[in-house]
PDB file of N, CA and C in Angstrom:
ATOM      1  N   MET A   1     -11.831 -14.720  -0.138  1.00  0.00           N
ATOM      2  CA  MET A   1     -10.742 -14.702  -1.063  1.00  0.00           C
ATOM      3  C   MET A   1      -9.438 -14.558  -0.287  1.00  0.00           C
ATOM      4  N   SER A   2      -8.447 -15.307  -0.693  1.00  0.00           N
ATOM      5  CA  SER A   2      -7.127 -15.228  -0.071  1.00  0.00           C
ATOM      6  C   SER A   2      -6.098 -14.837  -1.122  1.00  0.00           C
ATOM      7  N   TYR A   3      -5.133 -14.054  -0.710  1.00  0.00           N
ATOM      8  CA  TYR A   3      -4.072 -13.634  -1.619  1.00  0.00           C
ATOM      9  C   TYR A   3      -2.885 -13.148  -0.809  1.00  0.00           C
ATOM     10  N   ARG A   4      -1.780 -12.970  -1.493  1.00  0.00           N
ATOM     11  CA  ARG A   4      -0.585 -12.395  -0.873  1.00  0.00           C
ATOM     12  C   ARG A   4       0.014 -11.409  -1.855  1.00  0.00           C
ATOM     13  N   PHE A   5       0.676 -10.390  -1.318  1.00  0.00           N
ATOM     14  CA  PHE A   5       1.320  -9.417  -2.187  1.00  0.00           C
ATOM     15  C   PHE A   5       2.470  -8.731  -1.458  1.00  0.00           C
ATOM     16  N   ARG A   6       3.280  -8.054  -2.231  1.00  0.00           N
ATOM     17  CA  ARG A   6       4.410  -7.292  -1.695  1.00  0.00           C
ATOM     18  C   ARG A   6       3.978  -5.829  -1.650  1.00  0.00           C
ATOM     19  N   PHE A   7       4.212  -5.189  -0.522  1.00  0.00           N
ATOM     20  CA  PHE A   7       3.837  -3.790  -0.318  1.00  0.00           C
ATOM     21  C   PHE A   7       5.082  -3.006   0.053  1.00  0.00           C
ATOM     22  N   GLN A   8       5.264  -1.846  -0.567  1.00  0.00           N
ATOM     23  CA  GLN A   8       6.371  -0.978  -0.167  1.00  0.00           C
ATOM     24  C   GLN A   8       5.938   0.468  -0.293  1.00  0.00           C
ATOM     25  N   ARG A   9       6.077   1.172   0.782  1.00  0.00           N
ATOM     26  CA  ARG A   9       5.802   2.608   0.799  1.00  0.00           C
ATOM     27  C   ARG A   9       7.103   3.320   0.481  1.00  0.00           C
ATOM     28  N   ILE A  10       7.039   4.267  -0.425  1.00  0.00           N
ATOM     29  CA  ILE A  10       8.219   5.063  -0.771  1.00  0.00           C
ATOM     30  C   ILE A  10       7.901   6.502  -0.389  1.00  0.00           C
ATOM     31  N   CYS A  11       8.690   7.018   0.542  1.00  0.00           N
ATOM     32  CA  CYS A  11       8.472   8.371   1.023  1.00  0.00           C
ATOM     33  C   CYS A  11       9.756   8.855   1.685  1.00  0.00           C
ATOM     34  N   PHE A  12       9.757  10.105   2.089  1.00  0.00           N
ATOM     35  CA  PHE A  12      10.875  10.637   2.859  1.00  0.00           C
ATOM     36  C   PHE A  12      10.623  10.292   4.322  1.00  0.00           C
ATOM     37  N   CYS A  13      10.802   9.006   4.649  1.00  0.00           N
ATOM     38  CA  CYS A  13      10.500   8.469   5.973  1.00  0.00           C
ATOM     39  C   CYS A  13      11.705   7.695   6.492  1.00  0.00           C
ATOM     40  N   ALA A  14      11.617   7.246   7.716  1.00  0.00           N
ATOM     41  CA  ALA A  14      12.662   6.405   8.300  1.00  0.00           C
ATOM     42  C   ALA A  14      12.746   5.093   7.518  1.00  0.00           C
ATOM     43  N   PRO A  15      13.937   4.483   7.449  1.00  0.00           N
ATOM     44  CA  PRO A  15      14.104   3.240   6.687  1.00  0.00           C
ATOM     45  C   PRO A  15      13.114   2.130   7.074  1.00  0.00           C
ATOM     46  N   ASP A  16      12.779   2.004   8.334  1.00  0.00           N
ATOM     47  CA  ASP A  16      11.816   0.973   8.733  1.00  0.00           C
ATOM     48  C   ASP A  16      10.441   1.194   8.099  1.00  0.00           C
ATOM     49  N   ALA A  17      10.089   2.444   7.854  1.00  0.00           N
ATOM     50  CA  ALA A  17       8.781   2.763   7.275  1.00  0.00           C
ATOM     51  C   ALA A  17       8.724   2.458   5.785  1.00  0.00           C
ATOM     52  N   THR A  18       9.886   2.304   5.152  1.00  0.00           N
ATOM     53  CA  THR A  18       9.914   2.060   3.711  1.00  0.00           C
ATOM     54  C   THR A  18      10.369   0.644   3.353  1.00  0.00           C
ATOM     55  N   ALA A  19      10.584  -0.201   4.344  1.00  0.00           N
ATOM     56  CA  ALA A  19      11.021  -1.579   4.081  1.00  0.00           C
ATOM     57  C   ALA A  19       9.916  -2.327   3.324  1.00  0.00           C
ATOM     58  N   PRO A  20      10.279  -3.109   2.302  1.00  0.00           N
ATOM     59  CA  PRO A  20       9.262  -3.894   1.596  1.00  0.00           C
ATOM     60  C   PRO A  20       8.681  -4.973   2.505  1.00  0.00           C
ATOM     61  N   LEU A  21       7.363  -5.157   2.406  1.00  0.00           N
ATOM     62  CA  LEU A  21       6.651  -6.107   3.256  1.00  0.00           C
ATOM     63  C   LEU A  21       5.973  -7.174   2.413  1.00  0.00           C
ATOM     64  N   LEU A  22       5.892  -8.374   2.936  1.00  0.00           N
ATOM     65  CA  LEU A  22       5.093  -9.438   2.342  1.00  0.00           C
ATOM     66  C   LEU A  22       3.822  -9.564   3.174  1.00  0.00           C
ATOM     67  N   VAL A  23       2.681  -9.424   2.528  1.00  0.00           N
ATOM     68  CA  VAL A  23       1.394  -9.386   3.215  1.00  0.00           C
ATOM     69  C   VAL A  23       0.553 -10.581   2.779  1.00  0.00           C
ATOM     70  N   VAL A  24      -0.044 -11.272   3.737  1.00  0.00           N
ATOM     71  CA  VAL A  24      -0.957 -12.379   3.457  1.00  0.00           C
ATOM     72  C   VAL A  24      -2.338 -11.983   3.967  1.00  0.00           C
ATOM     73  N   VAL A  25      -3.338 -12.090   3.087  1.00  0.00           N
ATOM     74  CA  VAL A  25      -4.707 -11.691   3.398  1.00  0.00           C
ATOM     75  C   VAL A  25      -5.635 -12.875   3.172  1.00  0.00           C
ATOM     76  N   SER A  26      -6.571 -13.082   4.080  1.00  0.00           N
ATOM     77  CA  SER A  26      -7.600 -14.109   3.923  1.00  0.00           C
ATOM     78  C   SER A  26      -8.934 -13.516   4.346  1.00  0.00           C
ATOM     79  N   ARG A  27      -9.934 -13.638   3.490  1.00  0.00           N
ATOM     80  CA  ARG A  27     -11.270 -13.103   3.767  1.00  0.00           C
ATOM     81  C   ARG A  27     -11.228 -11.623   4.156  1.00  0.00           C
ATOM     82  N   ASN A  28     -10.411 -10.891   3.417  1.00  0.00           N
ATOM     83  CA  ASN A  28     -10.234  -9.440   3.579  1.00  0.00           C
ATOM     84  C   ASN A  28      -9.654  -9.057   4.937  1.00  0.00           C
ATOM     85  N   ARG A  29      -8.972  -9.989   5.583  1.00  0.00           N
ATOM     86  CA  ARG A  29      -8.295  -9.706   6.854  1.00  0.00           C
ATOM     87  C   ARG A  29      -6.817 -10.025   6.696  1.00  0.00           C
ATOM     88  N   VAL A  30      -5.990  -9.124   7.207  1.00  0.00           N
ATOM     89  CA  VAL A  30      -4.544  -9.349   7.150  1.00  0.00           C
ATOM     90  C   VAL A  30      -4.199 -10.468   8.123  1.00  0.00           C
ATOM     91  N   ILE A  31      -3.597 -11.531   7.603  1.00  0.00           N
ATOM     92  CA  ILE A  31      -3.223 -12.690   8.411  1.00  0.00           C
ATOM     93  C   ILE A  31      -1.790 -12.550   8.921  1.00  0.00           C
ATOM     94  N   SER A  32      -0.904 -12.061   8.040  1.00  0.00           N
ATOM     95  CA  SER A  32       0.481 -11.876   8.463  1.00  0.00           C
ATOM     96  C   SER A  32       1.155 -10.811   7.617  1.00  0.00           C
ATOM     97  N   VAL A  33       2.137 -10.170   8.246  1.00  0.00           N
ATOM     98  CA  VAL A  33       2.978  -9.181   7.574  1.00  0.00           C
ATOM     99  C   VAL A  33       4.406  -9.463   8.014  1.00  0.00           C
ATOM    100  N   ALA A  34       5.301  -9.536   7.033  1.00  0.00           N
ATOM    101  CA  ALA A  34       6.707  -9.803   7.343  1.00  0.00           C
ATOM    102  C   ALA A  34       7.587  -8.955   6.431  1.00  0.00           C
ATOM    103  N   ARG A  35       8.755  -8.629   6.924  1.00  0.00           N
ATOM    104  CA  ARG A  35       9.725  -7.908   6.080  1.00  0.00           C
ATOM    105  C   ARG A  35      10.144  -8.818   4.942  1.00  0.00           C
ATOM    106  N   ALA A  36      10.126  -8.300   3.722  1.00  0.00           N
ATOM    107  CA  ALA A  36      10.479  -9.101   2.554  1.00  0.00           C
ATOM    108  C   ALA A  36      11.948  -9.500   2.565  1.00  0.00           C
ATOM    109  N   ASP A  37      12.803  -8.677   3.145  1.00  0.00           N
ATOM    110  CA  ASP A  37      14.242  -8.949   3.111  1.00  0.00           C
ATOM    111  C   ASP A  37      14.690  -9.946   4.180  1.00  0.00           C
ATOM    112  N   THR A  38      13.999  -9.997   5.314  1.00  0.00           N
ATOM    113  CA  THR A  38      14.447 -10.863   6.412  1.00  0.00           C
ATOM    114  C   THR A  38      13.424 -11.926   6.818  1.00  0.00           C
ATOM    115  N   GLY A  39      12.163 -11.741   6.441  1.00  0.00           N
ATOM    116  CA  GLY A  39      11.112 -12.656   6.866  1.00  0.00           C
ATOM    117  C   GLY A  39      10.626 -12.394   8.280  1.00  0.00           C
ATOM    118  N   GLU A  40      11.201 -11.390   8.932  1.00  0.00           N
ATOM    119  CA  GLU A  40      10.820 -11.036  10.307  1.00  0.00           C
ATOM    120  C   GLU A  40       9.387 -10.522  10.341  1.00  0.00           C
ATOM    121  N   ALA A  41       8.591 -11.049  11.271  1.00  0.00           N
ATOM    122  CA  ALA A  41       7.208 -10.603  11.430  1.00  0.00           C
ATOM    123  C   ALA A  41       7.177  -9.131  11.818  1.00  0.00           C
ATOM    124  N   VAL A  42       6.176  -8.426  11.305  1.00  0.00           N
ATOM    125  CA  VAL A  42       6.027  -6.994  11.540  1.00  0.00           C
ATOM    126  C   VAL A  42       4.609  -6.731  12.018  1.00  0.00           C
ATOM    127  N   THR A  43       4.461  -5.828  12.961  1.00  0.00           N
ATOM    128  CA  THR A  43       3.143  -5.342  13.353  1.00  0.00           C
ATOM    129  C   THR A  43       2.981  -3.968  12.718  1.00  0.00           C
ATOM    130  N   PRO A  44       2.251  -3.892  11.604  1.00  0.00           N
ATOM    131  CA  PRO A  44       2.145  -2.618  10.888  1.00  0.00           C
ATOM    132  C   PRO A  44       1.215  -1.641  11.591  1.00  0.00           C
ATOM    133  N   GLY A  45       1.429  -0.369  11.329  1.00  0.00           N
ATOM    134  CA  GLY A  45       0.540   0.659  11.848  1.00  0.00           C
ATOM    135  C   GLY A  45      -0.803   0.602  11.135  1.00  0.00           C
ATOM    136  N   GLU A  46      -1.800   1.150  11.757  1.00  0.00           N
ATOM    137  CA  GLU A  46      -3.157   1.142  11.202  1.00  0.00           C
ATOM    138  C   GLU A  46      -3.272   1.947   9.910  1.00  0.00           C
ATOM    139  N   THR A  47      -2.328   2.832   9.648  1.00  0.00           N
ATOM    140  CA  THR A  47      -2.445   3.700   8.476  1.00  0.00           C
ATOM    141  C   THR A  47      -2.020   3.023   7.181  1.00  0.00           C
ATOM    142  N   LEU A  48      -1.398   1.852   7.255  1.00  0.00           N
ATOM    143  CA  LEU A  48      -0.965   1.184   6.028  1.00  0.00           C
ATOM    144  C   LEU A  48      -2.139   0.468   5.369  1.00  0.00           C
ATOM    145  N   PRO A  49      -2.361   0.711   4.077  1.00  0.00           N
ATOM    146  CA  PRO A  49      -3.446   0.027   3.359  1.00  0.00           C
ATOM    147  C   PRO A  49      -2.985  -1.359   2.916  1.00  0.00           C
ATOM    148  N   LEU A  50      -3.192  -2.372   3.748  1.00  0.00           N
ATOM    149  CA  LEU A  50      -2.626  -3.695   3.504  1.00  0.00           C
ATOM    150  C   LEU A  50      -3.624  -4.733   3.002  1.00  0.00           C
ATOM    151  N   THR A  51      -4.700  -4.286   2.393  1.00  0.00           N
ATOM    152  CA  THR A  51      -5.592  -5.187   1.656  1.00  0.00           C
ATOM    153  C   THR A  51      -5.908  -4.477   0.336  1.00  0.00           C
ATOM    154  N   VAL A  52      -6.339  -5.223  -0.655  1.00  0.00           N
ATOM    155  CA  VAL A  52      -6.697  -4.602  -1.934  1.00  0.00           C
ATOM    156  C   VAL A  52      -7.833  -3.607  -1.722  1.00  0.00           C
ATOM    157  N   GLU A  53      -8.786  -3.957  -0.870  1.00  0.00           N
ATOM    158  CA  GLU A  53      -9.892  -3.030  -0.579  1.00  0.00           C
ATOM    159  C   GLU A  53      -9.364  -1.711  -0.016  1.00  0.00           C
ATOM    160  N   ARG A  54      -8.416  -1.784   0.897  1.00  0.00           N
ATOM    161  CA  ARG A  54      -7.851  -0.553   1.490  1.00  0.00           C
ATOM    162  C   ARG A  54      -7.011   0.220   0.480  1.00  0.00           C
ATOM    163  N   LEU A  55      -6.391  -0.467  -0.478  1.00  0.00           N
ATOM    164  CA  LEU A  55      -5.669   0.242  -1.539  1.00  0.00           C
ATOM    165  C   LEU A  55      -6.646   1.066  -2.371  1.00  0.00           C
ATOM    166  N   PHE A  56      -7.789   0.472  -2.720  1.00  0.00           N
ATOM    167  CA  PHE A  56      -8.813   1.223  -3.447  1.00  0.00           C
ATOM    168  C   PHE A  56      -9.335   2.390  -2.602  1.00  0.00           C
ATOM    169  N   ASP A  57      -9.493   2.184  -1.300  1.00  0.00           N
ATOM    170  CA  ASP A  57      -9.921   3.277  -0.411  1.00  0.00           C
ATOM    171  C   ASP A  57      -8.917   4.423  -0.441  1.00  0.00           C
ATOM    172  N   GLU A  58      -7.625   4.089  -0.467  1.00  0.00           N
ATOM    173  CA  GLU A  58      -6.570   5.108  -0.498  1.00  0.00           C
ATOM    174  C   GLU A  58      -6.638   5.913  -1.799  1.00  0.00           C
ATOM    175  N   ILE A  59      -6.896   5.245  -2.900  1.00  0.00           N
ATOM    176  CA  ILE A  59      -7.049   5.933  -4.186  1.00  0.00           C
ATOM    177  C   ILE A  59      -8.258   6.861  -4.135  1.00  0.00           C
ATOM    178  N   GLU A  60      -9.370   6.359  -3.621  1.00  0.00           N
ATOM    179  CA  GLU A  60     -10.585   7.168  -3.518  1.00  0.00           C
ATOM    180  C   GLU A  60     -10.374   8.389  -2.618  1.00  0.00           C
ATOM    181  N   ARG A  61      -9.657   8.194  -1.523  1.00  0.00           N
ATOM    182  CA  ARG A  61      -9.372   9.306  -0.610  1.00  0.00           C
ATOM    183  C   ARG A  61      -8.535  10.383  -1.320  1.00  0.00           C
ATOM    184  N   ALA A  62      -7.546   9.959  -2.108  1.00  0.00           N
ATOM    185  CA  ALA A  62      -6.717  10.914  -2.845  1.00  0.00           C
ATOM    186  C   ALA A  62      -7.560  11.712  -3.839  1.00  0.00           C
ATOM    187  N   ILE A  63      -8.512  11.042  -4.484  1.00  0.00           N
ATOM    188  CA  ILE A  63      -9.399  11.733  -5.417  1.00  0.00           C
ATOM    189  C   ILE A  63     -10.304  12.706  -4.664  1.00  0.00           C
ATOM    190  N   ASP A  64     -10.926  12.235  -3.590  1.00  0.00           N
ATOM    191  CA  ASP A  64     -11.848  13.077  -2.813  1.00  0.00           C
ATOM    192  C   ASP A  64     -11.152  14.293  -2.222  1.00  0.00           C
ATOM    193  N   GLN A  65      -9.891  14.127  -1.816  1.00  0.00           N
ATOM    194  CA  GLN A  65      -9.148  15.229  -1.201  1.00  0.00           C
ATOM    195  C   GLN A  65      -8.392  16.060  -2.236  1.00  0.00           C
ATOM    196  N   GLU A  66      -8.630  15.773  -3.507  1.00  0.00           N
ATOM    197  CA  GLU A  66      -8.020  16.507  -4.610  1.00  0.00           C
ATOM    198  C   GLU A  66      -6.504  16.580  -4.466  1.00  0.00           C
ATOM    199  N   ALA A  67      -5.875  15.407  -4.397  1.00  0.00           N
ATOM    200  CA  ALA A  67      -4.414  15.325  -4.325  1.00  0.00           C
ATOM    201  C   ALA A  67      -3.809  16.085  -5.501  1.00  0.00           C
ATOM    202  N   ALA A  68      -2.629  16.654  -5.284  1.00  0.00           N
ATOM    203  CA  ALA A  68      -1.956  17.418  -6.332  1.00  0.00           C
ATOM    204  C   ALA A  68      -1.661  16.534  -7.543  1.00  0.00           C
ATOM    205  N   ALA A  69      -1.316  15.275  -7.306  1.00  0.00           N
ATOM    206  CA  ALA A  69      -1.063  14.333  -8.406  1.00  0.00           C
ATOM    207  C   ALA A  69      -1.426  12.924  -7.941  1.00  0.00           C
ATOM    208  N   LEU A  70      -1.984  12.152  -8.849  1.00  0.00           N
ATOM    209  CA  LEU A  70      -2.336  10.768  -8.564  1.00  0.00           C
ATOM    210  C   LEU A  70      -2.101   9.946  -9.823  1.00  0.00           C
ATOM    211  N   THR A  71      -1.260   8.933  -9.705  1.00  0.00           N
ATOM    212  CA  THR A  71      -1.006   8.011 -10.805  1.00  0.00           C
ATOM    213  C   THR A  71      -1.189   6.600 -10.268  1.00  0.00           C
ATOM    214  N   VAL A  72      -2.025   5.820 -10.946  1.00  0.00           N
ATOM    215  CA  VAL A  72      -2.285   4.455 -10.511  1.00  0.00           C
ATOM    216  C   VAL A  72      -2.073   3.514 -11.697  1.00  0.00           C
ATOM    217  N   GLY A  73      -1.330   2.440 -11.455  1.00  0.00           N
ATOM    218  CA  GLY A  73      -1.174   1.383 -12.451  1.00  0.00           C
ATOM    219  C   GLY A  73      -1.993   0.185 -12.006  1.00  0.00           C
ATOM    220  N   TYR A  74      -2.805  -0.351 -12.910  1.00  0.00           N
ATOM    221  CA  TYR A  74      -3.700  -1.459 -12.572  1.00  0.00           C
ATOM    222  C   TYR A  74      -3.297  -2.741 -13.304  1.00  0.00           C
ATOM    223  N   ASP A  75      -3.564  -3.881 -12.700  1.00  0.00           N
ATOM    224  CA  ASP A  75      -3.385  -5.159 -13.367  1.00  0.00           C
ATOM    225  C   ASP A  75      -4.339  -5.185 -14.555  1.00  0.00           C
ATOM    226  N   PRO A  76      -3.834  -5.463 -15.764  1.00  0.00           N
ATOM    227  CA  PRO A  76      -4.695  -5.384 -16.954  1.00  0.00           C
ATOM    228  C   PRO A  76      -5.781  -6.459 -17.015  1.00  0.00           C
ATOM    229  N   VAL A  77      -5.634  -7.534 -16.272  1.00  0.00           N
ATOM    230  CA  VAL A  77      -6.618  -8.612 -16.319  1.00  0.00           C
ATOM    231  C   VAL A  77      -7.596  -8.525 -15.152  1.00  0.00           C
ATOM    232  N   ARG A  78      -7.070  -8.378 -13.945  1.00  0.00           N
ATOM    233  CA  ARG A  78      -7.932  -8.419 -12.754  1.00  0.00           C
ATOM    234  C   ARG A  78      -8.305  -7.053 -12.199  1.00  0.00           C
ATOM    235  N   GLY A  79      -7.604  -6.006 -12.605  1.00  0.00           N
ATOM    236  CA  GLY A  79      -8.002  -4.650 -12.242  1.00  0.00           C
ATOM    237  C   GLY A  79      -7.572  -4.146 -10.887  1.00  0.00           C
ATOM    238  N   TYR A  80      -6.785  -4.886 -10.129  1.00  0.00           N
ATOM    239  CA  TYR A  80      -6.336  -4.387  -8.826  1.00  0.00           C
ATOM    240  C   TYR A  80      -5.126  -3.470  -9.013  1.00  0.00           C
ATOM    241  N   PRO A  81      -4.884  -2.571  -8.067  1.00  0.00           N
ATOM    242  CA  PRO A  81      -3.764  -1.632  -8.204  1.00  0.00           C
ATOM    243  C   PRO A  81      -2.421  -2.347  -8.075  1.00  0.00           C
ATOM    244  N   LEU A  82      -1.528  -2.066  -9.021  1.00  0.00           N
ATOM    245  CA  LEU A  82      -0.157  -2.577  -8.961  1.00  0.00           C
ATOM    246  C   LEU A  82       0.787  -1.536  -8.373  1.00  0.00           C
ATOM    247  N   SER A  83       0.490  -0.279  -8.653  1.00  0.00           N
ATOM    248  CA  SER A  83       1.292   0.816  -8.095  1.00  0.00           C
ATOM    249  C   SER A  83       0.393   2.028  -7.903  1.00  0.00           C
ATOM    250  N   ILE A  84       0.670   2.751  -6.845  1.00  0.00           N
ATOM    251  CA  ILE A  84      -0.091   3.971  -6.534  1.00  0.00           C
ATOM    252  C   ILE A  84       0.916   5.045  -6.176  1.00  0.00           C
ATOM    253  N   ASP A  85       0.852   6.159  -6.876  1.00  0.00           N
ATOM    254  CA  ASP A  85       1.734   7.291  -6.584  1.00  0.00           C
ATOM    255  C   ASP A  85       0.844   8.488  -6.267  1.00  0.00           C
ATOM    256  N   ILE A  86       0.895   8.925  -5.021  1.00  0.00           N
ATOM    257  CA  ILE A  86       0.062  10.051  -4.575  1.00  0.00           C
ATOM    258  C   ILE A  86       0.969  11.169  -4.081  1.00  0.00           C
ATOM    259  N   ASP A  87       0.799  12.343  -4.650  1.00  0.00           N
ATOM    260  CA  ASP A  87       1.457  13.545  -4.137  1.00  0.00           C
ATOM    261  C   ASP A  87       0.325  14.435  -3.642  1.00  0.00           C
ATOM    262  N   ARG A  88       0.178  14.519  -2.350  1.00  0.00           N
ATOM    263  CA  ARG A  88      -0.945  15.263  -1.784  1.00  0.00           C
ATOM    264  C   ARG A  88      -0.777  16.778  -1.894  1.00  0.00           C
ATOM    265  N   ASP A  89       0.478  17.229  -1.998  1.00  0.00           N
ATOM    266  CA  ASP A  89       0.745  18.662  -2.095  1.00  0.00           C
ATOM    267  C   ASP A  89       2.126  18.842  -2.716  1.00  0.00           C
ATOM    268  N   PHE A  90       2.197  19.517  -3.864  1.00  0.00           N
ATOM    269  CA  PHE A  90       3.478  19.714  -4.546  1.00  0.00           C
ATOM    270  C   PHE A  90       4.485  20.491  -3.712  1.00  0.00           C
ATOM    271  N   ARG A  91       4.015  21.239  -2.726  1.00  0.00           N
ATOM    272  CA  ARG A  91       4.914  22.079  -1.923  1.00  0.00           C
ATOM    273  C   ARG A  91       5.608  21.308  -0.805  1.00  0.00           C
ATOM    274  N   ILE A  92       5.206  20.058  -0.584  1.00  0.00           N
ATOM    275  CA  ILE A  92       5.802  19.254   0.487  1.00  0.00           C
ATOM    276  C   ILE A  92       6.750  18.245  -0.145  1.00  0.00           C
ATOM    277  N   ALA A  93       7.943  18.150   0.433  1.00  0.00           N
ATOM    278  CA  ALA A  93       8.953  17.224  -0.122  1.00  0.00           C
ATOM    279  C   ALA A  93       8.509  15.792  -0.027  1.00  0.00           C
TER     280      ALA A  93
END
């Protein structure tokens, strides 16, 4: 299966860490990642969940680790995550 999507992490991080990315996936492998605003190719860190499978893994990890809050919005037809909001600890900004 091949697909593309826009990914953006929102956190209290450096601006480069929160830049929106365009991700292309083929056969569950990331083929390319580029900044959505400039088209510049990006080499993402291993911690970014850049496939739908890894997004589901991130949700499962939040559940298993009993995150303080977890809100997930799913596509009503295909069921993949559209948005994921994880607060692992209310005491951390």
